[in-house]
Amino acid sequence: MPHKKLSMFRARESFVGFLLCTPAIAGLVIFFIIPFGICIYLSFTDNIGNVFVGFANYVDILTSTAFRLAAWNTFRFNITAVPLIMVFSFCVALMLYRKLKGSEFFRAVFIFPLVLPAASIVLFFQTVFSNGGLINGFLEQLNLSAVDWFGSGAQFFVLVVLYIFKNCGYNIILFLAALNSIPKEYSEAACIDGANGFVRLTRITLPVIFPYSFFVLIISIINSFKSFREAYILFGNYPNGGVYMLQHFMNNNFSNLNYVRLACGAIIIFAVIFVFVLALLRLRDRAGDIEL
């Protein structure tokens, strides 16, 4: 009898938990799963959505010059900006972790861009990198020629700096959490054995936070795909070919009401990100998983 009452209590508890989760589940189904299913359906039809054309739309988009340019630029941006923000964020987090002089001030400075509106950040970058801005003014003081940051290939550099400026604060928080999770006994034992700072960094700090770094890497990749908002405000619909990203391609097809190409592009991007993140998670599992 006690076991029966316990089972009934657990069933009632599970049912109540399910009811409490119903609004979230309904929102997920209505706003994500159903639209995603419609997107998959549209990707296999003509532009009207009535005739099934198989993989013809995918072949068309993969052979498109605009899509290939956008895919290459997005790949180039990720392999450049993501490692830079990872290294920069870790170095800053390490300095803040060691509580150097002024660390509290710099902690607030790096976190501040997280709460700034995108328009404010873009206005700041326009002030710094415009033809008569601070950077070109400094170059003129050094008798160097000014750089057209917004009308040449230098746009790529501006976009990378903007991405790091906007997102490094979140990575710093994650790295600080990882560094604070390292038991103090490890460093104390290493100091007793005569290990210097570099040895402690390479033999203790980096191996311990290695699984956490996968999580930071995934967040950095996701945030790199969110940099379109600032790039769109800064460079417009059709920027220099060096910064024409997949997000520009998607936005332009949405503006042109070409929903089939938009659906195909979304499915391809989803598949690439899904496979890449899945590979990273598998690699993390092999390296040793630590729950965050």
C-alpha atoms as a PDB file:
ATOM      1  CA  MET A   1       0.000   0.000   0.000  1.00  0.00           C
ATOM      2  CA  PRO A   2       2.743   2.576   0.784  1.00  0.00           C
ATOM      3  CA  HIS A   3       4.366   1.833  -2.568  1.00  0.00           C
ATOM      4  CA  LYS A   4       1.045   2.373  -4.343  1.00  0.00           C
ATOM      5  CA  LYS A   5       0.544   5.731  -2.613  1.00  0.00           C
ATOM      6  CA  LEU A   6       4.104   6.722  -3.478  1.00  0.00           C
ATOM      7  CA  SER A   7       3.531   5.823  -7.139  1.00  0.00           C
ATOM      8  CA  MET A   8       0.292   7.830  -7.224  1.00  0.00           C
ATOM      9  CA  PHE A   9       2.053  10.796  -5.632  1.00  0.00           C
ATOM     10  CA  ARG A  10       4.865  10.675  -8.184  1.00  0.00           C
ATOM     11  CA  ALA A  11       2.381  10.379 -11.066  1.00  0.00           C
ATOM     12  CA  ARG A  12       0.444  13.380  -9.751  1.00  0.00           C
ATOM     13  CA  GLU A  13       3.668  15.306  -9.293  1.00  0.00           C
ATOM     14  CA  SER A  14       4.747  14.509 -12.869  1.00  0.00           C
ATOM     15  CA  PHE A  15       1.358  15.561 -14.214  1.00  0.00           C
ATOM     16  CA  VAL A  16       1.519  18.894 -12.357  1.00  0.00           C
ATOM     17  CA  GLY A  17       5.042  19.453 -13.662  1.00  0.00           C
ATOM     18  CA  PHE A  18       3.855  18.744 -17.196  1.00  0.00           C
ATOM     19  CA  LEU A  19       0.988  21.238 -16.796  1.00  0.00           C
ATOM     20  CA  LEU A  20       3.409  23.904 -15.589  1.00  0.00           C
ATOM     21  CA  CYS A  21       5.617  23.278 -18.629  1.00  0.00           C
ATOM     22  CA  THR A  22       2.686  23.381 -21.066  1.00  0.00           C
ATOM     23  CA  PRO A  23       2.952  27.128 -21.899  1.00  0.00           C
ATOM     24  CA  ALA A  24       6.660  26.788 -22.707  1.00  0.00           C
ATOM     25  CA  ILE A  25       6.070  23.634 -24.764  1.00  0.00           C
ATOM     26  CA  ALA A  26       3.195  25.283 -26.641  1.00  0.00           C
ATOM     27  CA  GLY A  27       5.339  28.320 -27.409  1.00  0.00           C
ATOM     28  CA  LEU A  28       8.155  26.098 -28.659  1.00  0.00           C
ATOM     29  CA  VAL A  29       5.801  24.167 -30.925  1.00  0.00           C
ATOM     30  CA  ILE A  30       3.930  27.202 -32.283  1.00  0.00           C
ATOM     31  CA  PHE A  31       6.830  29.588 -32.787  1.00  0.00           C
ATOM     32  CA  PHE A  32       9.711  27.223 -33.608  1.00  0.00           C
ATOM     33  CA  ILE A  33       8.803  23.648 -34.550  1.00  0.00           C
ATOM     34  CA  ILE A  34       5.823  24.418 -36.815  1.00  0.00           C
ATOM     35  CA  PRO A  35       7.581  27.288 -38.664  1.00  0.00           C
ATOM     36  CA  PHE A  36      10.633  25.081 -39.090  1.00  0.00           C
ATOM     37  CA  GLY A  37       8.466  22.356 -40.612  1.00  0.00           C
ATOM     38  CA  ILE A  38       6.890  24.896 -42.982  1.00  0.00           C
ATOM     39  CA  CYS A  39      10.388  26.086 -43.915  1.00  0.00           C
ATOM     40  CA  ILE A  40      11.422  22.523 -44.801  1.00  0.00           C
ATOM     41  CA  TYR A  41       8.266  22.093 -46.901  1.00  0.00           C
ATOM     42  CA  LEU A  42       8.841  25.353 -48.807  1.00  0.00           C
ATOM     43  CA  SER A  43      12.437  24.412 -49.578  1.00  0.00           C
ATOM     44  CA  PHE A  44      11.203  21.480 -51.692  1.00  0.00           C
ATOM     45  CA  THR A  45       8.571  23.422 -53.662  1.00  0.00           C
ATOM     46  CA  ASP A  46       8.500  26.142 -56.291  1.00  0.00           C
ATOM     47  CA  ASN A  47       8.202  29.808 -55.359  1.00  0.00           C
ATOM     48  CA  ILE A  48       4.407  29.546 -55.159  1.00  0.00           C
ATOM     49  CA  GLY A  49       4.599  26.571 -52.819  1.00  0.00           C
ATOM     50  CA  ASN A  50       2.375  24.251 -54.871  1.00  0.00           C
ATOM     51  CA  VAL A  51       4.725  22.151 -57.039  1.00  0.00           C
ATOM     52  CA  PHE A  52       7.217  19.707 -55.524  1.00  0.00           C
ATOM     53  CA  VAL A  53      10.631  20.192 -57.151  1.00  0.00           C
ATOM     54  CA  GLY A  54      12.824  17.977 -54.982  1.00  0.00           C
ATOM     55  CA  PHE A  55      16.380  19.161 -54.393  1.00  0.00           C
ATOM     56  CA  ALA A  56      16.360  21.576 -57.351  1.00  0.00           C
ATOM     57  CA  ASN A  57      16.181  24.589 -55.039  1.00  0.00           C
ATOM     58  CA  TYR A  58      19.183  23.385 -53.055  1.00  0.00           C
ATOM     59  CA  VAL A  59      21.186  22.826 -56.229  1.00  0.00           C
ATOM     60  CA  ASP A  60      20.244  26.305 -57.403  1.00  0.00           C
ATOM     61  CA  ILE A  61      21.256  28.008 -54.178  1.00  0.00           C
ATOM     62  CA  LEU A  62      24.522  26.059 -53.818  1.00  0.00           C
ATOM     63  CA  THR A  63      25.539  27.112 -57.337  1.00  0.00           C
ATOM     64  CA  SER A  64      24.555  30.732 -56.710  1.00  0.00           C
ATOM     65  CA  THR A  65      27.477  33.175 -56.811  1.00  0.00           C
ATOM     66  CA  ALA A  66      25.901  35.348 -54.114  1.00  0.00           C
ATOM     67  CA  PHE A  67      25.413  32.407 -51.748  1.00  0.00           C
ATOM     68  CA  ARG A  68      28.951  31.139 -52.287  1.00  0.00           C
ATOM     69  CA  LEU A  69      30.368  34.605 -51.604  1.00  0.00           C
ATOM     70  CA  ALA A  70      28.257  34.949 -48.469  1.00  0.00           C
ATOM     71  CA  ALA A  71      29.222  31.455 -47.267  1.00  0.00           C
ATOM     72  CA  TRP A  72      32.936  32.085 -47.833  1.00  0.00           C
ATOM     73  CA  ASN A  73      32.832  35.460 -46.057  1.00  0.00           C
ATOM     74  CA  THR A  74      30.924  33.963 -43.131  1.00  0.00           C
ATOM     75  CA  PHE A  75      33.438  31.119 -42.862  1.00  0.00           C
ATOM     76  CA  ARG A  76      36.354  33.572 -43.086  1.00  0.00           C
ATOM     77  CA  PHE A  77      34.774  35.772 -40.442  1.00  0.00           C
ATOM     78  CA  ASN A  78      34.256  32.839 -38.064  1.00  0.00           C
ATOM     79  CA  ILE A  79      37.781  31.410 -38.369  1.00  0.00           C
ATOM     80  CA  THR A  80      39.181  34.912 -37.792  1.00  0.00           C
ATOM     81  CA  ALA A  81      36.905  36.486 -35.186  1.00  0.00           C
ATOM     82  CA  VAL A  82      36.065  33.468 -33.012  1.00  0.00           C
ATOM     83  CA  PRO A  83      39.685  32.477 -32.170  1.00  0.00           C
ATOM     84  CA  LEU A  84      40.527  36.137 -31.548  1.00  0.00           C
ATOM     85  CA  ILE A  85      37.663  36.654 -29.128  1.00  0.00           C
ATOM     86  CA  MET A  86      38.468  33.380 -27.372  1.00  0.00           C
ATOM     87  CA  VAL A  87      42.113  34.360 -26.786  1.00  0.00           C
ATOM     88  CA  PHE A  88      41.301  37.974 -25.910  1.00  0.00           C
ATOM     89  CA  SER A  89      38.503  37.041 -23.507  1.00  0.00           C
ATOM     90  CA  PHE A  90      40.633  34.422 -21.758  1.00  0.00           C
ATOM     91  CA  CYS A  91      43.570  36.820 -21.310  1.00  0.00           C
ATOM     92  CA  VAL A  92      41.295  39.515 -19.868  1.00  0.00           C
ATOM     93  CA  ALA A  93      39.535  36.989 -17.611  1.00  0.00           C
ATOM     94  CA  LEU A  94      42.908  35.730 -16.380  1.00  0.00           C
ATOM     95  CA  MET A  95      43.994  39.278 -15.460  1.00  0.00           C
ATOM     96  CA  LEU A  96      40.682  39.948 -13.706  1.00  0.00           C
ATOM     97  CA  TYR A  97      40.927  36.614 -11.893  1.00  0.00           C
ATOM     98  CA  ARG A  98      44.307  37.564 -10.486  1.00  0.00           C
ATOM     99  CA  LYS A  99      42.719  40.757  -9.126  1.00  0.00           C
ATOM    100  CA  LEU A 100      45.308  43.131 -10.489  1.00  0.00           C
ATOM    101  CA  LYS A 101      45.087  46.837  -9.727  1.00  0.00           C
ATOM    102  CA  GLY A 102      41.999  48.336 -11.357  1.00  0.00           C
ATOM    103  CA  SER A 103      40.483  44.957 -12.169  1.00  0.00           C
ATOM    104  CA  GLU A 104      37.045  45.960 -10.841  1.00  0.00           C
ATOM    105  CA  PHE A 105      36.948  48.981 -13.150  1.00  0.00           C
ATOM    106  CA  PHE A 106      37.954  46.962 -16.213  1.00  0.00           C
ATOM    107  CA  ARG A 107      35.432  44.250 -15.327  1.00  0.00           C
ATOM    108  CA  ALA A 108      32.658  46.841 -15.582  1.00  0.00           C
ATOM    109  CA  VAL A 109      34.139  48.284 -18.780  1.00  0.00           C
ATOM    110  CA  PHE A 110      34.149  44.968 -20.637  1.00  0.00           C
ATOM    111  CA  ILE A 111      30.664  44.012 -19.475  1.00  0.00           C
ATOM    112  CA  PHE A 112      29.167  47.403 -20.347  1.00  0.00           C
ATOM    113  CA  PRO A 113      28.833  46.720 -24.129  1.00  0.00           C
ATOM    114  CA  LEU A 114      26.454  43.847 -23.337  1.00  0.00           C
ATOM    115  CA  VAL A 115      23.775  46.305 -22.206  1.00  0.00           C
ATOM    116  CA  LEU A 116      24.372  48.953 -24.858  1.00  0.00           C
ATOM    117  CA  PRO A 117      21.832  49.234 -27.715  1.00  0.00           C
ATOM    118  CA  ALA A 118      23.162  48.178 -31.116  1.00  0.00           C
ATOM    119  CA  ALA A 119      22.560  51.663 -32.509  1.00  0.00           C
ATOM    120  CA  SER A 120      24.783  53.206 -29.815  1.00  0.00           C
ATOM    121  CA  ILE A 121      27.612  50.799 -30.592  1.00  0.00           C
ATOM    122  CA  VAL A 122      27.327  51.505 -34.319  1.00  0.00           C
ATOM    123  CA  LEU A 123      27.354  55.248 -33.669  1.00  0.00           C
ATOM    124  CA  PHE A 124      30.513  54.835 -31.610  1.00  0.00           C
ATOM    125  CA  PHE A 125      32.224  52.864 -34.387  1.00  0.00           C
ATOM    126  CA  GLN A 126      31.160  55.431 -36.970  1.00  0.00           C
ATOM    127  CA  THR A 127      32.775  58.108 -34.835  1.00  0.00           C
ATOM    128  CA  VAL A 128      35.984  56.102 -34.480  1.00  0.00           C
ATOM    129  CA  PHE A 129      36.374  54.691 -38.023  1.00  0.00           C
ATOM    130  CA  SER A 130      34.764  57.345 -40.271  1.00  0.00           C
ATOM    131  CA  ASN A 131      36.908  59.249 -42.772  1.00  0.00           C
ATOM    132  CA  GLY A 132      37.287  62.113 -40.330  1.00  0.00           C
ATOM    133  CA  GLY A 133      37.165  59.922 -37.248  1.00  0.00           C
ATOM    134  CA  LEU A 134      39.553  59.273 -34.407  1.00  0.00           C
ATOM    135  CA  ILE A 135      41.595  56.549 -36.113  1.00  0.00           C
ATOM    136  CA  ASN A 136      42.214  58.515 -39.297  1.00  0.00           C
ATOM    137  CA  GLY A 137      42.963  61.615 -37.243  1.00  0.00           C
ATOM    138  CA  PHE A 138      45.598  59.666 -35.338  1.00  0.00           C
ATOM    139  CA  LEU A 139      47.063  58.341 -38.605  1.00  0.00           C
ATOM    140  CA  GLU A 140      47.304  61.873 -39.981  1.00  0.00           C
ATOM    141  CA  GLN A 141      49.178  62.942 -36.864  1.00  0.00           C
ATOM    142  CA  LEU A 142      51.708  60.231 -37.702  1.00  0.00           C
ATOM    143  CA  ASN A 143      51.909  61.501 -41.324  1.00  0.00           C
ATOM    144  CA  LEU A 144      50.234  58.327 -42.560  1.00  0.00           C
ATOM    145  CA  SER A 145      47.519  58.157 -45.203  1.00  0.00           C
ATOM    146  CA  ALA A 146      43.939  57.840 -44.020  1.00  0.00           C
ATOM    147  CA  VAL A 147      42.069  54.552 -44.523  1.00  0.00           C
ATOM    148  CA  ASP A 148      38.595  54.285 -46.002  1.00  0.00           C
ATOM    149  CA  TRP A 149      37.329  51.921 -43.316  1.00  0.00           C
ATOM    150  CA  PHE A 150      33.744  51.781 -44.607  1.00  0.00           C
ATOM    151  CA  GLY A 151      34.344  51.727 -48.363  1.00  0.00           C
ATOM    152  CA  SER A 152      37.111  49.176 -48.845  1.00  0.00           C
ATOM    153  CA  GLY A 153      38.261  45.751 -47.707  1.00  0.00           C
ATOM    154  CA  ALA A 154      38.982  47.304 -44.306  1.00  0.00           C
ATOM    155  CA  GLN A 155      35.290  46.764 -43.550  1.00  0.00           C
ATOM    156  CA  PHE A 156      36.166  43.195 -42.597  1.00  0.00           C
ATOM    157  CA  PHE A 157      38.580  44.420 -39.916  1.00  0.00           C
ATOM    158  CA  VAL A 158      35.966  46.850 -38.561  1.00  0.00           C
ATOM    159  CA  LEU A 159      33.388  44.050 -38.368  1.00  0.00           C
ATOM    160  CA  VAL A 160      35.792  41.773 -36.484  1.00  0.00           C
ATOM    161  CA  VAL A 161      36.624  44.518 -33.980  1.00  0.00           C
ATOM    162  CA  LEU A 162      32.924  45.318 -33.556  1.00  0.00           C
ATOM    163  CA  TYR A 163      32.121  41.649 -32.887  1.00  0.00           C
ATOM    164  CA  ILE A 164      34.865  41.353 -30.266  1.00  0.00           C
ATOM    165  CA  PHE A 165      33.870  44.643 -28.632  1.00  0.00           C
ATOM    166  CA  LYS A 166      30.202  43.654 -28.426  1.00  0.00           C
ATOM    167  CA  ASN A 167      30.556  40.042 -27.232  1.00  0.00           C
ATOM    168  CA  CYS A 168      33.802  39.732 -25.280  1.00  0.00           C
ATOM    169  CA  GLY A 169      32.110  40.679 -21.987  1.00  0.00           C
ATOM    170  CA  TYR A 170      29.924  37.563 -21.987  1.00  0.00           C
ATOM    171  CA  ASN A 171      32.912  35.336 -22.735  1.00  0.00           C
ATOM    172  CA  ILE A 172      34.877  36.990 -19.954  1.00  0.00           C
ATOM    173  CA  ILE A 173      32.095  36.150 -17.486  1.00  0.00           C
ATOM    174  CA  LEU A 174      32.122  32.508 -18.588  1.00  0.00           C
ATOM    175  CA  PHE A 175      35.903  32.236 -18.370  1.00  0.00           C
ATOM    176  CA  LEU A 176      35.890  33.866 -14.930  1.00  0.00           C
ATOM    177  CA  ALA A 177      33.354  31.299 -13.759  1.00  0.00           C
ATOM    178  CA  ALA A 178      35.591  28.531 -15.094  1.00  0.00           C
ATOM    179  CA  LEU A 179      38.695  29.969 -13.431  1.00  0.00           C
ATOM    180  CA  ASN A 180      36.893  30.333 -10.104  1.00  0.00           C
ATOM    181  CA  SER A 181      35.931  26.655 -10.267  1.00  0.00           C
ATOM    182  CA  ILE A 182      39.594  25.565 -10.098  1.00  0.00           C
ATOM    183  CA  PRO A 183      40.400  24.316  -6.579  1.00  0.00           C
ATOM    184  CA  LYS A 184      42.949  26.526  -4.843  1.00  0.00           C
ATOM    185  CA  GLU A 185      44.773  23.428  -3.635  1.00  0.00           C
ATOM    186  CA  TYR A 186      46.030  22.724  -7.166  1.00  0.00           C
ATOM    187  CA  SER A 187      47.911  26.013  -7.436  1.00  0.00           C
ATOM    188  CA  GLU A 188      49.133  25.846  -3.848  1.00  0.00           C
ATOM    189  CA  ALA A 189      50.557  22.370  -4.386  1.00  0.00           C
ATOM    190  CA  ALA A 190      52.204  23.478  -7.625  1.00  0.00           C
ATOM    191  CA  CYS A 191      53.774  26.483  -5.892  1.00  0.00           C
ATOM    192  CA  ILE A 192      55.165  24.240  -3.181  1.00  0.00           C
ATOM    193  CA  ASP A 193      56.732  22.066  -5.901  1.00  0.00           C
ATOM    194  CA  GLY A 194      58.366  25.172  -7.393  1.00  0.00           C
ATOM    195  CA  ALA A 195      56.193  25.562 -10.510  1.00  0.00           C
ATOM    196  CA  ASN A 196      56.258  29.026 -12.047  1.00  0.00           C
ATOM    197  CA  GLY A 197      53.241  30.909 -13.440  1.00  0.00           C
ATOM    198  CA  PHE A 198      53.624  29.569 -16.976  1.00  0.00           C
ATOM    199  CA  VAL A 199      53.774  25.962 -15.772  1.00  0.00           C
ATOM    200  CA  ARG A 200      50.681  26.456 -13.590  1.00  0.00           C
ATOM    201  CA  LEU A 201      48.870  27.981 -16.566  1.00  0.00           C
ATOM    202  CA  THR A 202      49.718  25.198 -19.004  1.00  0.00           C
ATOM    203  CA  ARG A 203      49.591  22.227 -16.618  1.00  0.00           C
ATOM    204  CA  ILE A 204      46.686  23.215 -14.325  1.00  0.00           C
ATOM    205  CA  THR A 205      44.564  26.131 -15.538  1.00  0.00           C
ATOM    206  CA  LEU A 206      44.190  25.275 -19.224  1.00  0.00           C
ATOM    207  CA  PRO A 207      43.543  21.512 -18.753  1.00  0.00           C
ATOM    208  CA  VAL A 208      40.936  22.119 -16.031  1.00  0.00           C
ATOM    209  CA  ILE A 209      38.962  24.752 -17.959  1.00  0.00           C
ATOM    210  CA  PHE A 210      39.348  22.921 -21.278  1.00  0.00           C
ATOM    211  CA  PRO A 211      35.821  21.394 -21.191  1.00  0.00           C
ATOM    212  CA  TYR A 212      34.372  24.805 -20.284  1.00  0.00           C
ATOM    213  CA  SER A 213      36.111  26.310 -23.301  1.00  0.00           C
ATOM    214  CA  PHE A 214      33.925  24.206 -25.602  1.00  0.00           C
ATOM    215  CA  PHE A 215      30.855  25.896 -24.175  1.00  0.00           C
ATOM    216  CA  VAL A 216      32.438  29.336 -24.655  1.00  0.00           C
ATOM    217  CA  LEU A 217      33.410  28.373 -28.207  1.00  0.00           C
ATOM    218  CA  ILE A 218      29.839  27.353 -29.060  1.00  0.00           C
ATOM    219  CA  ILE A 219      28.463  30.600 -27.602  1.00  0.00           C
ATOM    220  CA  SER A 220      31.051  32.587 -29.578  1.00  0.00           C
ATOM    221  CA  ILE A 221      30.046  30.868 -32.823  1.00  0.00           C
ATOM    222  CA  ILE A 222      26.365  31.517 -32.143  1.00  0.00           C
ATOM    223  CA  ASN A 223      27.070  35.172 -31.364  1.00  0.00           C
ATOM    224  CA  SER A 224      29.082  35.490 -34.580  1.00  0.00           C
ATOM    225  CA  PHE A 225      25.896  34.757 -36.517  1.00  0.00           C
ATOM    226  CA  LYS A 226      24.149  37.497 -34.542  1.00  0.00           C
ATOM    227  CA  SER A 227      26.592  40.193 -35.647  1.00  0.00           C
ATOM    228  CA  PHE A 228      24.455  40.940 -38.709  1.00  0.00           C
ATOM    229  CA  ARG A 229      22.398  43.556 -36.869  1.00  0.00           C
ATOM    230  CA  GLU A 230      25.388  45.805 -36.287  1.00  0.00           C
ATOM    231  CA  ALA A 231      26.826  45.042 -39.744  1.00  0.00           C
ATOM    232  CA  TYR A 232      23.500  45.882 -41.386  1.00  0.00           C
ATOM    233  CA  ILE A 233      23.252  49.246 -39.613  1.00  0.00           C
ATOM    234  CA  LEU A 234      26.909  50.013 -40.265  1.00  0.00           C
ATOM    235  CA  PHE A 235      27.290  48.887 -43.902  1.00  0.00           C
ATOM    236  CA  GLY A 236      23.746  48.572 -45.284  1.00  0.00           C
ATOM    237  CA  ASN A 237      22.041  45.904 -47.450  1.00  0.00           C
ATOM    238  CA  TYR A 238      24.811  45.509 -50.011  1.00  0.00           C
ATOM    239  CA  PRO A 239      28.185  46.147 -48.368  1.00  0.00           C
ATOM    240  CA  ASN A 240      31.654  45.586 -49.745  1.00  0.00           C
ATOM    241  CA  GLY A 241      32.097  42.065 -51.107  1.00  0.00           C
ATOM    242  CA  GLY A 242      34.442  41.219 -48.249  1.00  0.00           C
ATOM    243  CA  VAL A 243      31.708  41.517 -45.594  1.00  0.00           C
ATOM    244  CA  TYR A 244      28.696  40.227 -47.541  1.00  0.00           C
ATOM    245  CA  MET A 245      27.598  37.548 -45.061  1.00  0.00           C
ATOM    246  CA  LEU A 246      24.975  34.817 -45.090  1.00  0.00           C
ATOM    247  CA  GLN A 247      22.800  37.081 -42.990  1.00  0.00           C
ATOM    248  CA  HIS A 248      22.891  39.700 -45.785  1.00  0.00           C
ATOM    249  CA  PHE A 249      21.938  37.003 -48.276  1.00  0.00           C
ATOM    250  CA  MET A 250      19.008  35.897 -46.120  1.00  0.00           C
ATOM    251  CA  ASN A 251      17.804  39.429 -45.453  1.00  0.00           C
ATOM    252  CA  ASN A 252      17.949  40.418 -49.129  1.00  0.00           C
ATOM    253  CA  ASN A 253      15.956  37.350 -50.187  1.00  0.00           C
ATOM    254  CA  PHE A 254      13.393  38.160 -47.509  1.00  0.00           C
ATOM    255  CA  SER A 255      13.125  41.720 -48.827  1.00  0.00           C
ATOM    256  CA  ASN A 256      12.679  40.371 -52.381  1.00  0.00           C
ATOM    257  CA  LEU A 257       9.955  37.953 -51.149  1.00  0.00           C
ATOM    258  CA  ASN A 258      11.964  34.979 -52.439  1.00  0.00           C
ATOM    259  CA  TYR A 259      10.866  32.690 -49.622  1.00  0.00           C
ATOM    260  CA  VAL A 260      12.055  29.493 -51.314  1.00  0.00           C
ATOM    261  CA  ARG A 261      15.683  30.642 -51.464  1.00  0.00           C
ATOM    262  CA  LEU A 262      15.264  31.985 -47.946  1.00  0.00           C
ATOM    263  CA  ALA A 263      14.003  28.600 -46.722  1.00  0.00           C
ATOM    264  CA  CYS A 264      16.801  26.697 -48.481  1.00  0.00           C
ATOM    265  CA  GLY A 265      19.431  29.020 -47.078  1.00  0.00           C
ATOM    266  CA  ALA A 266      18.014  28.689 -43.568  1.00  0.00           C
ATOM    267  CA  ILE A 267      17.994  24.877 -43.776  1.00  0.00           C
ATOM    268  CA  ILE A 268      21.572  24.761 -45.063  1.00  0.00           C
ATOM    269  CA  ILE A 269      22.809  27.119 -42.344  1.00  0.00           C
ATOM    270  CA  PHE A 270      20.961  25.126 -39.684  1.00  0.00           C
ATOM    271  CA  ALA A 271      22.437  21.852 -40.951  1.00  0.00           C
ATOM    272  CA  VAL A 272      26.000  23.218 -40.994  1.00  0.00           C
ATOM    273  CA  ILE A 273      25.747  24.731 -37.502  1.00  0.00           C
ATOM    274  CA  PHE A 274      24.058  21.587 -36.136  1.00  0.00           C
ATOM    275  CA  VAL A 275      26.747  19.260 -37.498  1.00  0.00           C
ATOM    276  CA  PHE A 276      29.565  21.548 -36.343  1.00  0.00           C
ATOM    277  CA  VAL A 277      28.187  21.942 -32.810  1.00  0.00           C
ATOM    278  CA  LEU A 278      27.492  18.201 -32.613  1.00  0.00           C
ATOM    279  CA  ALA A 279      31.101  17.495 -33.601  1.00  0.00           C
ATOM    280  CA  LEU A 280      32.330  19.894 -30.910  1.00  0.00           C
ATOM    281  CA  LEU A 281      30.185  18.209 -28.276  1.00  0.00           C
ATOM    282  CA  ARG A 282      31.461  14.790 -29.275  1.00  0.00           C
ATOM    283  CA  LEU A 283      35.013  16.091 -29.064  1.00  0.00           C
ATOM    284  CA  ARG A 284      34.282  17.526 -25.634  1.00  0.00           C
ATOM    285  CA  ASP A 285      32.908  14.186 -24.448  1.00  0.00           C
ATOM    286  CA  ARG A 286      36.111  12.488 -25.501  1.00  0.00           C
ATOM    287  CA  ALA A 287      38.187  15.128 -23.713  1.00  0.00           C
ATOM    288  CA  GLY A 288      36.209  14.678 -20.508  1.00  0.00           C
ATOM    289  CA  ASP A 289      32.884  16.294 -19.703  1.00  0.00           C
ATOM    290  CA  ILE A 290      32.345  18.743 -16.861  1.00  0.00           C
ATOM    291  CA  GLU A 291      28.821  19.910 -16.146  1.00  0.00           C
ATOM    292  CA  LEU A 292      28.449  23.694 -16.234  1.00  0.00           C
END
